[in-house]
Amino acid sequence: MDKTKYKGDRRYKVAKKEASIGIGLAVFNFLWWFGFAYGLGSKPVSEYTYIAGLPSWFFYSCVIGFLVVVFLVIILVKIVFKEVPFDDEEGGDAL
């Protein structure tokens, strides 16, 4: 396999950038979940506050966290991510 063939192909730069954004989003999701789950959830059960029948740590870490990440994914897909052609020839208006 000729690696020099892939160095000049802009599709790989776009794919690498988008993969890095995806990893960053996954790390953000974990930190959000961990922060709320263990930050608010480390109190004794008798001190929990409840939102919509759920403990606040669970509501913020799982319900709100899920909605925030879905919103961020939608924004990133619409604004940042680019359509990349799958054909062998580079070109077109997608990049």
N, C-alpha and C. Protein backbone atom coordinates (compact mmCIF):
# COMPACT_ATOMS: atom_id res chain seq x y z
N MET A 1 0.85 -1.17 0.00
CA MET A 1 0.00 0.00 0.00
C MET A 1 0.89 1.23 0.00
N ASP A 2 0.61 2.14 -0.88
CA ASP A 2 1.40 3.36 -1.03
C ASP A 2 0.82 4.45 -0.13
N LYS A 3 1.54 4.78 0.96
CA LYS A 3 1.05 5.77 1.92
C LYS A 3 1.13 7.19 1.37
N THR A 4 2.00 7.44 0.42
CA THR A 4 2.10 8.79 -0.15
C THR A 4 0.83 9.14 -0.92
N LYS A 5 0.15 8.12 -1.42
CA LYS A 5 -1.10 8.36 -2.14
C LYS A 5 -2.14 9.00 -1.21
N TYR A 6 -2.12 8.62 0.07
CA TYR A 6 -3.12 9.09 1.01
C TYR A 6 -2.73 10.41 1.67
N LYS A 7 -1.45 10.75 1.69
CA LYS A 7 -1.02 12.00 2.33
C LYS A 7 -1.61 13.23 1.65
N GLY A 8 -1.73 13.21 0.35
CA GLY A 8 -2.22 14.36 -0.37
C GLY A 8 -3.74 14.42 -0.49
N ASP A 9 -4.42 13.38 -0.08
CA ASP A 9 -5.87 13.30 -0.21
C ASP A 9 -6.53 14.05 0.95
N ARG A 10 -7.25 15.10 0.64
CA ARG A 10 -7.88 15.95 1.67
C ARG A 10 -8.98 15.22 2.42
N ARG A 11 -9.51 14.17 1.85
CA ARG A 11 -10.57 13.41 2.54
C ARG A 11 -10.07 12.83 3.85
N TYR A 12 -8.80 12.44 3.90
CA TYR A 12 -8.25 11.88 5.12
C TYR A 12 -8.06 12.94 6.20
N LYS A 13 -7.73 14.15 5.79
CA LYS A 13 -7.64 15.25 6.75
C LYS A 13 -9.02 15.56 7.34
N VAL A 14 -10.03 15.57 6.49
CA VAL A 14 -11.40 15.82 6.96
C VAL A 14 -11.84 14.70 7.89
N ALA A 15 -11.56 13.45 7.52
CA ALA A 15 -11.95 12.31 8.35
C ALA A 15 -11.23 12.34 9.70
N LYS A 16 -9.96 12.70 9.70
CA LYS A 16 -9.20 12.77 10.95
C LYS A 16 -9.76 13.88 11.85
N LYS A 17 -10.08 15.03 11.28
CA LYS A 17 -10.64 16.13 12.06
C LYS A 17 -11.99 15.74 12.65
N GLU A 18 -12.84 15.12 11.85
CA GLU A 18 -14.16 14.73 12.33
C GLU A 18 -14.08 13.61 13.36
N ALA A 19 -13.12 12.70 13.22
CA ALA A 19 -12.93 11.66 14.23
C ALA A 19 -12.47 12.27 15.55
N SER A 20 -11.59 13.26 15.47
CA SER A 20 -11.13 13.94 16.68
C SER A 20 -12.28 14.66 17.37
N ILE A 21 -13.16 15.29 16.60
CA ILE A 21 -14.33 15.95 17.17
C ILE A 21 -15.23 14.92 17.84
N GLY A 22 -15.42 13.78 17.21
CA GLY A 22 -16.24 12.71 17.79
C GLY A 22 -15.67 12.19 19.09
N ILE A 23 -14.36 12.02 19.16
CA ILE A 23 -13.71 11.57 20.39
C ILE A 23 -13.86 12.64 21.47
N GLY A 24 -13.68 13.90 21.09
CA GLY A 24 -13.85 15.00 22.04
C GLY A 24 -15.26 15.04 22.59
N LEU A 25 -16.24 14.80 21.74
CA LEU A 25 -17.64 14.78 22.17
C LEU A 25 -17.90 13.62 23.13
N ALA A 26 -17.31 12.47 22.87
CA ALA A 26 -17.46 11.32 23.76
C ALA A 26 -16.82 11.60 25.12
N VAL A 27 -15.65 12.24 25.12
CA VAL A 27 -14.99 12.61 26.38
C VAL A 27 -15.84 13.62 27.14
N PHE A 28 -16.39 14.62 26.44
CA PHE A 28 -17.27 15.60 27.06
C PHE A 28 -18.48 14.91 27.69
N ASN A 29 -19.08 13.97 26.97
CA ASN A 29 -20.24 13.23 27.47
C ASN A 29 -19.87 12.47 28.76
N PHE A 30 -18.73 11.81 28.77
CA PHE A 30 -18.32 11.08 29.96
C PHE A 30 -18.07 12.02 31.13
N LEU A 31 -17.38 13.12 30.89
CA LEU A 31 -17.09 14.07 31.97
C LEU A 31 -18.37 14.68 32.52
N TRP A 32 -19.32 14.99 31.64
CA TRP A 32 -20.62 15.51 32.08
C TRP A 32 -21.30 14.48 32.99
N TRP A 33 -21.38 13.25 32.49
CA TRP A 33 -22.03 12.19 33.24
C TRP A 33 -21.33 11.97 34.58
N PHE A 34 -20.02 11.83 34.56
CA PHE A 34 -19.25 11.56 35.77
C PHE A 34 -19.38 12.70 36.77
N GLY A 35 -19.31 13.93 36.31
CA GLY A 35 -19.40 15.09 37.18
C GLY A 35 -20.72 15.16 37.92
N PHE A 36 -21.81 14.98 37.21
CA PHE A 36 -23.12 15.05 37.86
C PHE A 36 -23.42 13.77 38.66
N ALA A 37 -23.09 12.62 38.12
CA ALA A 37 -23.42 11.37 38.80
C ALA A 37 -22.67 11.23 40.11
N TYR A 38 -21.38 11.53 40.10
CA TYR A 38 -20.61 11.38 41.33
C TYR A 38 -20.54 12.67 42.13
N GLY A 39 -20.78 13.80 41.50
CA GLY A 39 -20.81 15.06 42.24
C GLY A 39 -22.07 15.18 43.08
N LEU A 40 -23.21 15.00 42.46
CA LEU A 40 -24.48 15.10 43.18
C LEU A 40 -24.88 13.78 43.82
N GLY A 41 -24.39 12.68 43.30
CA GLY A 41 -24.80 11.37 43.79
C GLY A 41 -23.98 10.84 44.95
N SER A 42 -23.02 11.60 45.41
CA SER A 42 -22.16 11.11 46.50
C SER A 42 -22.74 11.40 47.88
N LYS A 43 -23.87 12.09 47.94
CA LYS A 43 -24.51 12.37 49.23
C LYS A 43 -25.28 11.14 49.70
N PRO A 44 -25.61 11.09 50.97
CA PRO A 44 -26.49 10.01 51.44
C PRO A 44 -27.86 10.09 50.76
N VAL A 45 -28.49 8.96 50.61
CA VAL A 45 -29.77 8.89 49.89
C VAL A 45 -30.82 9.77 50.55
N SER A 46 -30.77 9.92 51.83
CA SER A 46 -31.77 10.74 52.53
C SER A 46 -31.67 12.22 52.17
N GLU A 47 -30.53 12.65 51.62
CA GLU A 47 -30.34 14.05 51.25
C GLU A 47 -30.57 14.32 49.77
N TYR A 48 -30.96 13.33 49.00
CA TYR A 48 -31.19 13.52 47.57
C TYR A 48 -32.37 14.46 47.35
N THR A 49 -32.27 15.23 46.28
CA THR A 49 -33.43 15.99 45.79
C THR A 49 -33.90 15.30 44.52
N TYR A 50 -35.17 15.45 44.22
CA TYR A 50 -35.76 14.72 43.10
C TYR A 50 -36.35 15.68 42.08
N ILE A 51 -36.18 15.34 40.82
CA ILE A 51 -36.75 16.10 39.70
C ILE A 51 -37.52 15.11 38.85
N ALA A 52 -38.80 15.36 38.67
CA ALA A 52 -39.68 14.47 37.90
C ALA A 52 -39.61 13.03 38.40
N GLY A 53 -39.47 12.86 39.69
CA GLY A 53 -39.43 11.53 40.29
C GLY A 53 -38.09 10.84 40.22
N LEU A 54 -37.10 11.49 39.65
CA LEU A 54 -35.75 10.92 39.53
C LEU A 54 -34.80 11.67 40.46
N PRO A 55 -33.81 10.99 41.01
CA PRO A 55 -32.80 11.71 41.79
C PRO A 55 -32.13 12.76 40.90
N SER A 56 -31.82 13.92 41.48
CA SER A 56 -31.28 15.02 40.67
C SER A 56 -29.98 14.62 39.98
N TRP A 57 -29.12 13.79 40.63
CA TRP A 57 -27.88 13.39 39.98
C TRP A 57 -28.16 12.59 38.72
N PHE A 58 -29.16 11.72 38.78
CA PHE A 58 -29.51 10.91 37.61
C PHE A 58 -30.15 11.78 36.53
N PHE A 59 -31.04 12.69 36.93
CA PHE A 59 -31.71 13.56 35.97
C PHE A 59 -30.70 14.39 35.19
N TYR A 60 -29.77 15.04 35.91
CA TYR A 60 -28.78 15.89 35.24
C TYR A 60 -27.75 15.08 34.46
N SER A 61 -27.30 13.95 35.00
CA SER A 61 -26.25 13.20 34.32
C SER A 61 -26.77 12.41 33.13
N CYS A 62 -27.94 11.79 33.27
CA CYS A 62 -28.42 10.91 32.21
C CYS A 62 -29.46 11.56 31.29
N VAL A 63 -30.43 12.25 31.85
CA VAL A 63 -31.49 12.82 31.01
C VAL A 63 -31.01 14.11 30.34
N ILE A 64 -30.59 15.08 31.13
CA ILE A 64 -30.14 16.35 30.55
C ILE A 64 -28.84 16.15 29.76
N GLY A 65 -27.94 15.31 30.27
CA GLY A 65 -26.69 15.02 29.56
C GLY A 65 -26.95 14.43 28.18
N PHE A 66 -27.90 13.50 28.11
CA PHE A 66 -28.27 12.92 26.82
C PHE A 66 -28.79 13.99 25.86
N LEU A 67 -29.67 14.85 26.35
CA LEU A 67 -30.23 15.90 25.49
C LEU A 67 -29.17 16.89 25.03
N VAL A 68 -28.24 17.25 25.92
CA VAL A 68 -27.15 18.16 25.55
C VAL A 68 -26.28 17.54 24.47
N VAL A 69 -25.92 16.29 24.63
CA VAL A 69 -25.05 15.63 23.65
C VAL A 69 -25.76 15.46 22.31
N VAL A 70 -27.03 15.12 22.33
CA VAL A 70 -27.79 15.01 21.07
C VAL A 70 -27.83 16.36 20.38
N PHE A 71 -28.07 17.43 21.13
CA PHE A 71 -28.09 18.78 20.56
C PHE A 71 -26.72 19.13 19.95
N LEU A 72 -25.64 18.82 20.67
CA LEU A 72 -24.30 19.10 20.15
C LEU A 72 -24.00 18.29 18.89
N VAL A 73 -24.42 17.05 18.86
CA VAL A 73 -24.20 16.23 17.66
C VAL A 73 -24.94 16.83 16.47
N ILE A 74 -26.18 17.25 16.67
CA ILE A 74 -26.96 17.85 15.58
C ILE A 74 -26.27 19.11 15.08
N ILE A 75 -25.83 19.97 15.98
CA ILE A 75 -25.15 21.21 15.59
C ILE A 75 -23.86 20.90 14.84
N LEU A 76 -23.07 19.96 15.36
CA LEU A 76 -21.80 19.63 14.70
C LEU A 76 -22.02 19.04 13.31
N VAL A 77 -23.00 18.18 13.17
CA VAL A 77 -23.26 17.56 11.86
C VAL A 77 -23.72 18.61 10.86
N LYS A 78 -24.55 19.54 11.30
CA LYS A 78 -25.06 20.56 10.37
C LYS A 78 -24.04 21.63 10.04
N ILE A 79 -23.16 21.99 10.98
CA ILE A 79 -22.27 23.13 10.78
C ILE A 79 -20.83 22.72 10.47
N VAL A 80 -20.28 21.77 11.22
CA VAL A 80 -18.85 21.48 11.14
C VAL A 80 -18.53 20.34 10.17
N PHE A 81 -19.27 19.25 10.25
CA PHE A 81 -18.95 18.09 9.42
C PHE A 81 -19.24 18.38 7.96
N LYS A 82 -18.41 17.77 7.08
CA LYS A 82 -18.55 17.98 5.65
C LYS A 82 -18.86 16.66 4.96
N GLU A 83 -19.59 16.76 3.86
CA GLU A 83 -19.85 15.58 3.06
C GLU A 83 -18.59 15.27 2.25
N VAL A 84 -18.18 14.02 2.30
CA VAL A 84 -16.96 13.59 1.61
C VAL A 84 -17.34 12.56 0.57
N PRO A 85 -16.92 12.76 -0.69
CA PRO A 85 -17.25 11.78 -1.73
C PRO A 85 -16.48 10.48 -1.51
N PHE A 86 -17.09 9.36 -1.86
CA PHE A 86 -16.46 8.05 -1.68
C PHE A 86 -15.73 7.56 -2.93
N ASP A 87 -15.88 8.24 -4.05
CA ASP A 87 -15.22 7.76 -5.26
C ASP A 87 -13.71 7.96 -5.15
N ASP A 88 -12.96 7.29 -6.04
CA ASP A 88 -11.49 7.32 -5.98
C ASP A 88 -10.91 8.65 -6.38
N GLU A 89 -11.56 9.36 -7.25
CA GLU A 89 -11.02 10.62 -7.73
C GLU A 89 -11.36 11.73 -6.76
N GLU A 90 -10.35 12.52 -6.43
CA GLU A 90 -10.59 13.67 -5.55
C GLU A 90 -11.13 14.80 -6.39
N GLY A 91 -11.98 15.58 -5.78
CA GLY A 91 -12.52 16.71 -6.51
C GLY A 91 -13.97 16.94 -6.15
N GLY A 92 -14.59 17.79 -6.86
CA GLY A 92 -15.99 18.10 -6.57
C GLY A 92 -16.12 19.25 -5.61
N ASP A 93 -17.35 19.64 -5.35
CA ASP A 93 -17.60 20.80 -4.50
C ASP A 93 -17.79 20.41 -3.03
N ALA A 94 -17.74 19.13 -2.71
CA ALA A 94 -18.02 18.70 -1.34
C ALA A 94 -16.95 19.16 -0.36
N LEU A 95 -15.70 19.27 -0.82
CA LEU A 95 -14.64 19.69 0.08
C LEU A 95 -14.43 21.15 -0.13
